[in-house]
Amino acid sequence: LAAKRATSVAQLILEGIDRVLATAAMEAARRRHAE
């Protein structure tokens, strides 16, 4: 995937971490909204 995107494996891993953190923040916001 890194080769296809002309990026590094490290960059892909960082993007994955960012997505996990963003998902967690959205889940927390949805929970607070529901409350």
PDB file of all heavy atoms in Angstrom:
ATOM      1  N   LEU A   1       0.828  -1.204   0.000  1.00  0.00           N
ATOM      2  CA  LEU A   1       0.000   0.000   0.000  1.00  0.00           C
ATOM      3  C   LEU A   1       0.864   1.256   0.000  1.00  0.00           C
ATOM      4  O   LEU A   1       0.569   2.224  -0.717  1.00  0.00           O
ATOM      5  CB  LEU A   1      -0.944  -0.003   1.204  1.00  0.00           C
ATOM      6  CG  LEU A   1      -1.940   1.139   1.299  1.00  0.00           C
ATOM      7  CD1 LEU A   1      -2.842   1.204   0.062  1.00  0.00           C
ATOM      8  CD2 LEU A   1      -2.790   0.983   2.555  1.00  0.00           C
ATOM      9  N   ALA A   2       1.915   1.242   0.770  1.00  0.00           N
ATOM     10  CA  ALA A   2       2.826   2.392   0.811  1.00  0.00           C
ATOM     11  C   ALA A   2       3.431   2.647  -0.564  1.00  0.00           C
ATOM     12  O   ALA A   2       3.529   3.796  -0.999  1.00  0.00           O
ATOM     13  CB  ALA A   2       3.922   2.163   1.853  1.00  0.00           C
ATOM     14  N   ALA A   3       3.804   1.586  -1.245  1.00  0.00           N
ATOM     15  CA  ALA A   3       4.367   1.744  -2.585  1.00  0.00           C
ATOM     16  C   ALA A   3       3.332   2.334  -3.542  1.00  0.00           C
ATOM     17  O   ALA A   3       3.651   3.228  -4.335  1.00  0.00           O
ATOM     18  CB  ALA A   3       4.869   0.393  -3.100  1.00  0.00           C
ATOM     19  N   LYS A   4       2.100   1.866  -3.461  1.00  0.00           N
ATOM     20  CA  LYS A   4       1.039   2.386  -4.332  1.00  0.00           C
ATOM     21  C   LYS A   4       0.779   3.865  -4.066  1.00  0.00           C
ATOM     22  O   LYS A   4       0.477   4.629  -4.969  1.00  0.00           O
ATOM     23  CB  LYS A   4      -0.261   1.604  -4.133  1.00  0.00           C
ATOM     24  CG  LYS A   4      -0.253   0.235  -4.745  1.00  0.00           C
ATOM     25  CD  LYS A   4      -1.570  -0.474  -4.486  1.00  0.00           C
ATOM     26  CE  LYS A   4      -1.511  -1.912  -4.952  1.00  0.00           C
ATOM     27  NZ  LYS A   4      -2.734  -2.649  -4.597  1.00  0.00           N
ATOM     28  N   ARG A   5       0.873   4.253  -2.813  1.00  0.00           N
ATOM     29  CA  ARG A   5       0.596   5.645  -2.432  1.00  0.00           C
ATOM     30  C   ARG A   5       1.846   6.524  -2.436  1.00  0.00           C
ATOM     31  O   ARG A   5       1.763   7.710  -2.107  1.00  0.00           O
ATOM     32  CB  ARG A   5      -0.039   5.693  -1.050  1.00  0.00           C
ATOM     33  CG  ARG A   5      -1.422   5.112  -0.978  1.00  0.00           C
ATOM     34  CD  ARG A   5      -2.010   5.399   0.366  1.00  0.00           C
ATOM     35  NE  ARG A   5      -3.332   4.833   0.524  1.00  0.00           N
ATOM     36  CZ  ARG A   5      -4.047   4.940   1.631  1.00  0.00           C
ATOM     37  NH1 ARG A   5      -3.546   5.592   2.669  1.00  0.00           N
ATOM     38  NH2 ARG A   5      -5.245   4.397   1.710  1.00  0.00           N
ATOM     39  N   ALA A   6       2.960   5.946  -2.749  1.00  0.00           N
ATOM     40  CA  ALA A   6       4.237   6.669  -2.727  1.00  0.00           C
ATOM     41  C   ALA A   6       4.471   7.316  -1.359  1.00  0.00           C
ATOM     42  O   ALA A   6       4.770   8.506  -1.234  1.00  0.00           O
ATOM     43  CB  ALA A   6       4.303   7.711  -3.837  1.00  0.00           C
ATOM     44  N   THR A   7       4.319   6.514  -0.322  1.00  0.00           N
ATOM     45  CA  THR A   7       4.544   6.981   1.040  1.00  0.00           C
ATOM     46  C   THR A   7       5.280   5.885   1.795  1.00  0.00           C
ATOM     47  O   THR A   7       5.722   4.902   1.209  1.00  0.00           O
ATOM     48  CB  THR A   7       3.209   7.376   1.713  1.00  0.00           C
ATOM     49  OG1 THR A   7       3.492   8.031   2.949  1.00  0.00           O
ATOM     50  CG2 THR A   7       2.309   6.185   1.962  1.00  0.00           C
ATOM     51  N   SER A   8       5.413   6.042   3.081  1.00  0.00           N
ATOM     52  CA  SER A   8       6.136   5.054   3.890  1.00  0.00           C
ATOM     53  C   SER A   8       5.170   4.238   4.738  1.00  0.00           C
ATOM     54  O   SER A   8       4.033   4.651   4.999  1.00  0.00           O
ATOM     55  CB  SER A   8       7.132   5.762   4.811  1.00  0.00           C
ATOM     56  OG  SER A   8       6.428   6.540   5.769  1.00  0.00           O
ATOM     57  N   VAL A   9       5.647   3.089   5.180  1.00  0.00           N
ATOM     58  CA  VAL A   9       4.866   2.262   6.102  1.00  0.00           C
ATOM     59  C   VAL A   9       4.610   3.048   7.388  1.00  0.00           C
ATOM     60  O   VAL A   9       3.509   3.030   7.937  1.00  0.00           O
ATOM     61  CB  VAL A   9       5.593   0.924   6.387  1.00  0.00           C
ATOM     62  CG1 VAL A   9       4.944   0.180   7.546  1.00  0.00           C
ATOM     63  CG2 VAL A   9       5.621   0.061   5.134  1.00  0.00           C
ATOM     64  N   ALA A  10       5.607   3.773   7.851  1.00  0.00           N
ATOM     65  CA  ALA A  10       5.451   4.568   9.077  1.00  0.00           C
ATOM     66  C   ALA A  10       4.322   5.590   8.924  1.00  0.00           C
ATOM     67  O   ALA A  10       3.517   5.778   9.847  1.00  0.00           O
ATOM     68  CB  ALA A  10       6.759   5.271   9.417  1.00  0.00           C
ATOM     69  N   GLN A  11       4.250   6.230   7.762  1.00  0.00           N
ATOM     70  CA  GLN A  11       3.188   7.213   7.530  1.00  0.00           C
ATOM     71  C   GLN A  11       1.815   6.545   7.549  1.00  0.00           C
ATOM     72  O   GLN A  11       0.867   7.083   8.101  1.00  0.00           O
ATOM     73  CB  GLN A  11       3.401   7.951   6.200  1.00  0.00           C
ATOM     74  CG  GLN A  11       2.370   9.028   5.926  1.00  0.00           C
ATOM     75  CD  GLN A  11       2.326  10.096   7.004  1.00  0.00           C
ATOM     76  OE1 GLN A  11       3.347  10.515   7.527  1.00  0.00           O
ATOM     77  NE2 GLN A  11       1.123  10.540   7.339  1.00  0.00           N
ATOM     78  N   LEU A  12       1.708   5.365   6.957  1.00  0.00           N
ATOM     79  CA  LEU A  12       0.434   4.642   6.982  1.00  0.00           C
ATOM     80  C   LEU A  12       0.030   4.285   8.410  1.00  0.00           C
ATOM     81  O   LEU A  12      -1.137   4.390   8.781  1.00  0.00           O
ATOM     82  CB  LEU A  12       0.518   3.381   6.124  1.00  0.00           C
ATOM     83  CG  LEU A  12       0.645   3.577   4.627  1.00  0.00           C
ATOM     84  CD1 LEU A  12       0.781   2.238   3.926  1.00  0.00           C
ATOM     85  CD2 LEU A  12      -0.543   4.356   4.070  1.00  0.00           C
ATOM     86  N   ILE A  13       1.010   3.870   9.208  1.00  0.00           N
ATOM     87  CA  ILE A  13       0.724   3.534  10.606  1.00  0.00           C
ATOM     88  C   ILE A  13       0.255   4.780  11.357  1.00  0.00           C
ATOM     89  O   ILE A  13      -0.721   4.727  12.119  1.00  0.00           O
ATOM     90  CB  ILE A  13       1.954   2.880  11.271  1.00  0.00           C
ATOM     91  CG1 ILE A  13       2.189   1.493  10.650  1.00  0.00           C
ATOM     92  CG2 ILE A  13       1.778   2.783  12.784  1.00  0.00           C
ATOM     93  CD1 ILE A  13       3.508   0.855  11.030  1.00  0.00           C
ATOM     94  N   LEU A  14       0.901   5.912  11.131  1.00  0.00           N
ATOM     95  CA  LEU A  14       0.476   7.164  11.777  1.00  0.00           C
ATOM     96  C   LEU A  14      -0.936   7.549  11.350  1.00  0.00           C
ATOM     97  O   LEU A  14      -1.743   8.004  12.175  1.00  0.00           O
ATOM     98  CB  LEU A  14       1.463   8.292  11.460  1.00  0.00           C
ATOM     99  CG  LEU A  14       2.835   8.167  12.133  1.00  0.00           C
ATOM    100  CD1 LEU A  14       3.773   9.240  11.594  1.00  0.00           C
ATOM    101  CD2 LEU A  14       2.714   8.249  13.637  1.00  0.00           C
ATOM    102  N   GLU A  15      -1.256   7.369  10.062  1.00  0.00           N
ATOM    103  CA  GLU A  15      -2.612   7.655   9.590  1.00  0.00           C
ATOM    104  C   GLU A  15      -3.629   6.749  10.284  1.00  0.00           C
ATOM    105  O   GLU A  15      -4.720   7.196  10.648  1.00  0.00           O
ATOM    106  CB  GLU A  15      -2.696   7.479   8.077  1.00  0.00           C
ATOM    107  CG  GLU A  15      -1.998   8.551   7.291  1.00  0.00           C
ATOM    108  CD  GLU A  15      -1.990   8.280   5.792  1.00  0.00           C
ATOM    109  OE1 GLU A  15      -2.786   7.446   5.318  1.00  0.00           O
ATOM    110  OE2 GLU A  15      -1.165   8.911   5.094  1.00  0.00           O
ATOM    111  N   GLY A  16      -3.255   5.479  10.468  1.00  0.00           N
ATOM    112  CA  GLY A  16      -4.149   4.552  11.169  1.00  0.00           C
ATOM    113  C   GLY A  16      -4.394   4.977  12.603  1.00  0.00           C
ATOM    114  O   GLY A  16      -5.523   4.931  13.097  1.00  0.00           O
ATOM    115  N   ILE A  17      -3.348   5.415  13.271  1.00  0.00           N
ATOM    116  CA  ILE A  17      -3.485   5.890  14.651  1.00  0.00           C
ATOM    117  C   ILE A  17      -4.396   7.112  14.690  1.00  0.00           C
ATOM    118  O   ILE A  17      -5.276   7.215  15.555  1.00  0.00           O
ATOM    119  CB  ILE A  17      -2.093   6.193  15.255  1.00  0.00           C
ATOM    120  CG1 ILE A  17      -1.323   4.891  15.445  1.00  0.00           C
ATOM    121  CG2 ILE A  17      -2.225   6.973  16.569  1.00  0.00           C
ATOM    122  CD1 ILE A  17       0.146   5.082  15.753  1.00  0.00           C
ATOM    123  N   ASP A  18      -4.191   8.044  13.759  1.00  0.00           N
ATOM    124  CA  ASP A  18      -5.051   9.233  13.709  1.00  0.00           C
ATOM    125  C   ASP A  18      -6.514   8.848  13.526  1.00  0.00           C
ATOM    126  O   ASP A  18      -7.410   9.435  14.144  1.00  0.00           O
ATOM    127  CB  ASP A  18      -4.619  10.172  12.582  1.00  0.00           C
ATOM    128  CG  ASP A  18      -3.333  10.911  12.903  1.00  0.00           C
ATOM    129  OD1 ASP A  18      -2.943  10.956  14.093  1.00  0.00           O
ATOM    130  OD2 ASP A  18      -2.708  11.438  11.955  1.00  0.00           O
ATOM    131  N   ARG A  19      -6.769   7.856  12.678  1.00  0.00           N
ATOM    132  CA  ARG A  19      -8.156   7.421  12.459  1.00  0.00           C
ATOM    133  C   ARG A  19      -8.759   6.801  13.707  1.00  0.00           C
ATOM    134  O   ARG A  19      -9.916   7.048  14.031  1.00  0.00           O
ATOM    135  CB  ARG A  19      -8.228   6.443  11.291  1.00  0.00           C
ATOM    136  CG  ARG A  19      -8.067   7.117   9.966  1.00  0.00           C
ATOM    137  CD  ARG A  19      -8.251   6.157   8.831  1.00  0.00           C
ATOM    138  NE  ARG A  19      -8.034   6.837   7.569  1.00  0.00           N
ATOM    139  CZ  ARG A  19      -8.023   6.238   6.406  1.00  0.00           C
ATOM    140  NH1 ARG A  19      -8.227   4.941   6.332  1.00  0.00           N
ATOM    141  NH2 ARG A  19      -7.819   6.933   5.309  1.00  0.00           N
ATOM    142  N   VAL A  20      -7.983   5.982  14.408  1.00  0.00           N
ATOM    143  CA  VAL A  20      -8.476   5.370  15.647  1.00  0.00           C
ATOM    144  C   VAL A  20      -8.811   6.449  16.668  1.00  0.00           C
ATOM    145  O   VAL A  20      -9.867   6.417  17.315  1.00  0.00           O
ATOM    146  CB  VAL A  20      -7.438   4.374  16.219  1.00  0.00           C
ATOM    147  CG1 VAL A  20      -7.783   3.972  17.647  1.00  0.00           C
ATOM    148  CG2 VAL A  20      -7.340   3.147  15.326  1.00  0.00           C
ATOM    149  N   LEU A  21      -7.924   7.435  16.812  1.00  0.00           N
ATOM    150  CA  LEU A  21      -8.171   8.518  17.773  1.00  0.00           C
ATOM    151  C   LEU A  21      -9.367   9.369  17.369  1.00  0.00           C
ATOM    152  O   LEU A  21     -10.169   9.774  18.220  1.00  0.00           O
ATOM    153  CB  LEU A  21      -6.912   9.377  17.922  1.00  0.00           C
ATOM    154  CG  LEU A  21      -5.702   8.663  18.537  1.00  0.00           C
ATOM    155  CD1 LEU A  21      -4.488   9.566  18.513  1.00  0.00           C
ATOM    156  CD2 LEU A  21      -6.011   8.172  19.932  1.00  0.00           C
ATOM    157  N   ALA A  22      -9.518   9.641  16.081  1.00  0.00           N
ATOM    158  CA  ALA A  22     -10.661  10.424  15.608  1.00  0.00           C
ATOM    159  C   ALA A  22     -11.960   9.657  15.844  1.00  0.00           C
ATOM    160  O   ALA A  22     -12.973  10.247  16.248  1.00  0.00           O
ATOM    161  CB  ALA A  22     -10.498  10.757  14.130  1.00  0.00           C
ATOM    162  N   THR A  23     -11.935   8.359  15.614  1.00  0.00           N
ATOM    163  CA  THR A  23     -13.120   7.534  15.854  1.00  0.00           C
ATOM    164  C   THR A  23     -13.502   7.551  17.327  1.00  0.00           C
ATOM    165  O   THR A  23     -14.679   7.686  17.673  1.00  0.00           O
ATOM    166  CB  THR A  23     -12.877   6.091  15.369  1.00  0.00           C
ATOM    167  OG1 THR A  23     -12.639   6.112  13.966  1.00  0.00           O
ATOM    168  CG2 THR A  23     -14.066   5.192  15.669  1.00  0.00           C
ATOM    169  N   ALA A  24     -12.513   7.442  18.190  1.00  0.00           N
ATOM    170  CA  ALA A  24     -12.778   7.476  19.633  1.00  0.00           C
ATOM    171  C   ALA A  24     -13.370   8.820  20.041  1.00  0.00           C
ATOM    172  O   ALA A  24     -14.304   8.879  20.857  1.00  0.00           O
ATOM    173  CB  ALA A  24     -11.492   7.195  20.412  1.00  0.00           C
ATOM    174  N   ALA A  25     -12.850   9.900  19.474  1.00  0.00           N
ATOM    175  CA  ALA A  25     -13.385  11.230  19.793  1.00  0.00           C
ATOM    176  C   ALA A  25     -14.824  11.369  19.312  1.00  0.00           C
ATOM    177  O   ALA A  25     -15.660  11.952  20.003  1.00  0.00           O
ATOM    178  CB  ALA A  25     -12.503  12.313  19.164  1.00  0.00           C
ATOM    179  N   MET A  26     -15.116  10.836  18.124  1.00  0.00           N
ATOM    180  CA  MET A  26     -16.492  10.897  17.603  1.00  0.00           C
ATOM    181  C   MET A  26     -17.433  10.084  18.484  1.00  0.00           C
ATOM    182  O   MET A  26     -18.554  10.510  18.768  1.00  0.00           O
ATOM    183  CB  MET A  26     -16.550  10.378  16.159  1.00  0.00           C
ATOM    184  CG  MET A  26     -15.964  11.317  15.146  1.00  0.00           C
ATOM    185  SD  MET A  26     -16.879  12.872  15.006  1.00  0.00           S
ATOM    186  CE  MET A  26     -18.400  12.262  14.324  1.00  0.00           C
ATOM    187  N   GLU A  27     -16.999   8.919  18.912  1.00  0.00           N
ATOM    188  CA  GLU A  27     -17.823   8.090  19.788  1.00  0.00           C
ATOM    189  C   GLU A  27     -18.112   8.818  21.098  1.00  0.00           C
ATOM    190  O   GLU A  27     -19.235   8.799  21.601  1.00  0.00           O
ATOM    191  CB  GLU A  27     -17.151   6.746  20.047  1.00  0.00           C
ATOM    192  CG  GLU A  27     -17.136   5.845  18.842  1.00  0.00           C
ATOM    193  CD  GLU A  27     -16.264   4.607  19.026  1.00  0.00           C
ATOM    194  OE1 GLU A  27     -15.583   4.475  20.073  1.00  0.00           O
ATOM    195  OE2 GLU A  27     -16.254   3.778  18.097  1.00  0.00           O
ATOM    196  N   ALA A  28     -17.109   9.478  21.647  1.00  0.00           N
ATOM    197  CA  ALA A  28     -17.290  10.236  22.893  1.00  0.00           C
ATOM    198  C   ALA A  28     -18.258  11.396  22.665  1.00  0.00           C
ATOM    199  O   ALA A  28     -19.127  11.668  23.512  1.00  0.00           O
ATOM    200  CB  ALA A  28     -15.952  10.747  23.404  1.00  0.00           C
ATOM    201  N   ALA A  29     -18.142  12.077  21.533  1.00  0.00           N
ATOM    202  CA  ALA A  29     -19.045  13.193  21.227  1.00  0.00           C
ATOM    203  C   ALA A  29     -20.477  12.684  21.056  1.00  0.00           C
ATOM    204  O   ALA A  29     -21.423  13.328  21.523  1.00  0.00           O
ATOM    205  CB  ALA A  29     -18.588  13.920  19.966  1.00  0.00           C
ATOM    206  N   ARG A  30     -20.640  11.547  20.391  1.00  0.00           N
ATOM    207  CA  ARG A  30     -21.989  10.985  20.228  1.00  0.00           C
ATOM    208  C   ARG A  30     -22.594  10.569  21.564  1.00  0.00           C
ATOM    209  O   ARG A  30     -23.780  10.773  21.805  1.00  0.00           O
ATOM    210  CB  ARG A  30     -21.950   9.793  19.269  1.00  0.00           C
ATOM    211  CG  ARG A  30     -21.764  10.198  17.834  1.00  0.00           C
ATOM    212  CD  ARG A  30     -21.895   8.984  16.904  1.00  0.00           C
ATOM    213  NE  ARG A  30     -21.560   9.361  15.556  1.00  0.00           N
ATOM    214  CZ  ARG A  30     -20.475   8.951  14.913  1.00  0.00           C
ATOM    215  NH1 ARG A  30     -19.631   8.127  15.487  1.00  0.00           N
ATOM    216  NH2 ARG A  30     -20.239   9.350  13.682  1.00  0.00           N
ATOM    217  N   ARG A  31     -21.768   9.978  22.436  1.00  0.00           N
ATOM    218  CA  ARG A  31     -22.262   9.610  23.771  1.00  0.00           C
ATOM    219  C   ARG A  31     -22.699  10.850  24.542  1.00  0.00           C
ATOM    220  O   ARG A  31     -23.769  10.869  25.158  1.00  0.00           O
ATOM    221  CB  ARG A  31     -21.183   8.862  24.553  1.00  0.00           C
ATOM    222  CG  ARG A  31     -21.133   7.383  24.287  1.00  0.00           C
ATOM    223  CD  ARG A  31     -20.270   6.638  25.307  1.00  0.00           C
ATOM    224  NE  ARG A  31     -18.914   7.151  25.418  1.00  0.00           N
ATOM    225  CZ  ARG A  31     -17.914   6.828  24.607  1.00  0.00           C
ATOM    226  NH1 ARG A  31     -18.110   5.996  23.629  1.00  0.00           N
ATOM    227  NH2 ARG A  31     -16.715   7.347  24.773  1.00  0.00           N
ATOM    228  N   ARG A  32     -21.868  11.896  24.497  1.00  0.00           N
ATOM    229  CA  ARG A  32     -22.213  13.127  25.219  1.00  0.00           C
ATOM    230  C   ARG A  32     -23.469  13.744  24.624  1.00  0.00           C
ATOM    231  O   ARG A  32     -24.331  14.235  25.358  1.00  0.00           O
ATOM    232  CB  ARG A  32     -21.046  14.124  25.183  1.00  0.00           C
ATOM    233  CG  ARG A  32     -21.295  15.372  25.992  1.00  0.00           C
ATOM    234  CD  ARG A  32     -21.567  15.053  27.448  1.00  0.00           C
ATOM    235  NE  ARG A  32     -21.803  16.281  28.197  1.00  0.00           N
ATOM    236  CZ  ARG A  32     -22.529  16.352  29.289  1.00  0.00           C
ATOM    237  NH1 ARG A  32     -23.078  15.258  29.812  1.00  0.00           N
ATOM    238  NH2 ARG A  32     -22.713  17.511  29.897  1.00  0.00           N
ATOM    239  N   HIS A  33     -23.591  13.715  23.309  1.00  0.00           N
ATOM    240  CA  HIS A  33     -24.781  14.243  22.647  1.00  0.00           C
ATOM    241  C   HIS A  33     -26.018  13.479  23.134  1.00  0.00           C
ATOM    242  O   HIS A  33     -27.039  14.087  23.469  1.00  0.00           O
ATOM    243  CB  HIS A  33     -24.637  14.115  21.127  1.00  0.00           C
ATOM    244  CG  HIS A  33     -25.785  14.680  20.367  1.00  0.00           C
ATOM    245  ND1 HIS A  33     -26.751  13.878  19.821  1.00  0.00           N
ATOM    246  CD2 HIS A  33     -26.126  15.954  20.090  1.00  0.00           C
ATOM    247  CE1 HIS A  33     -27.648  14.648  19.218  1.00  0.00           C
ATOM    248  NE2 HIS A  33     -27.288  15.904  19.372  1.00  0.00           N
ATOM    249  N   ALA A  34     -25.922  12.167  23.184  1.00  0.00           N
ATOM    250  CA  ALA A  34     -27.053  11.351  23.645  1.00  0.00           C
ATOM    251  C   ALA A  34     -27.410  11.681  25.089  1.00  0.00           C
ATOM    252  O   ALA A  34     -28.593  11.790  25.437  1.00  0.00           O
ATOM    253  CB  ALA A  34     -26.724   9.867  23.494  1.00  0.00           C
ATOM    254  N   GLU A  35     -26.401  11.864  25.936  1.00  0.00           N
ATOM    255  CA  GLU A  35     -26.653  12.215  27.335  1.00  0.00           C
ATOM    256  C   GLU A  35     -27.394  13.551  27.432  1.00  0.00           C
ATOM    257  O   GLU A  35     -28.355  13.698  28.208  1.00  0.00           O
ATOM    258  CB  GLU A  35     -25.340  12.305  28.114  1.00  0.00           C
ATOM    259  CG  GLU A  35     -24.633  10.995  28.318  1.00  0.00           C
ATOM    260  CD  GLU A  35     -23.201  11.167  28.821  1.00  0.00           C
ATOM    261  OE1 GLU A  35     -22.740  12.328  28.998  1.00  0.00           O
ATOM    262  OE2 GLU A  35     -22.534  10.140  29.018  1.00  0.00           O
TER     263      GLU A  35
END
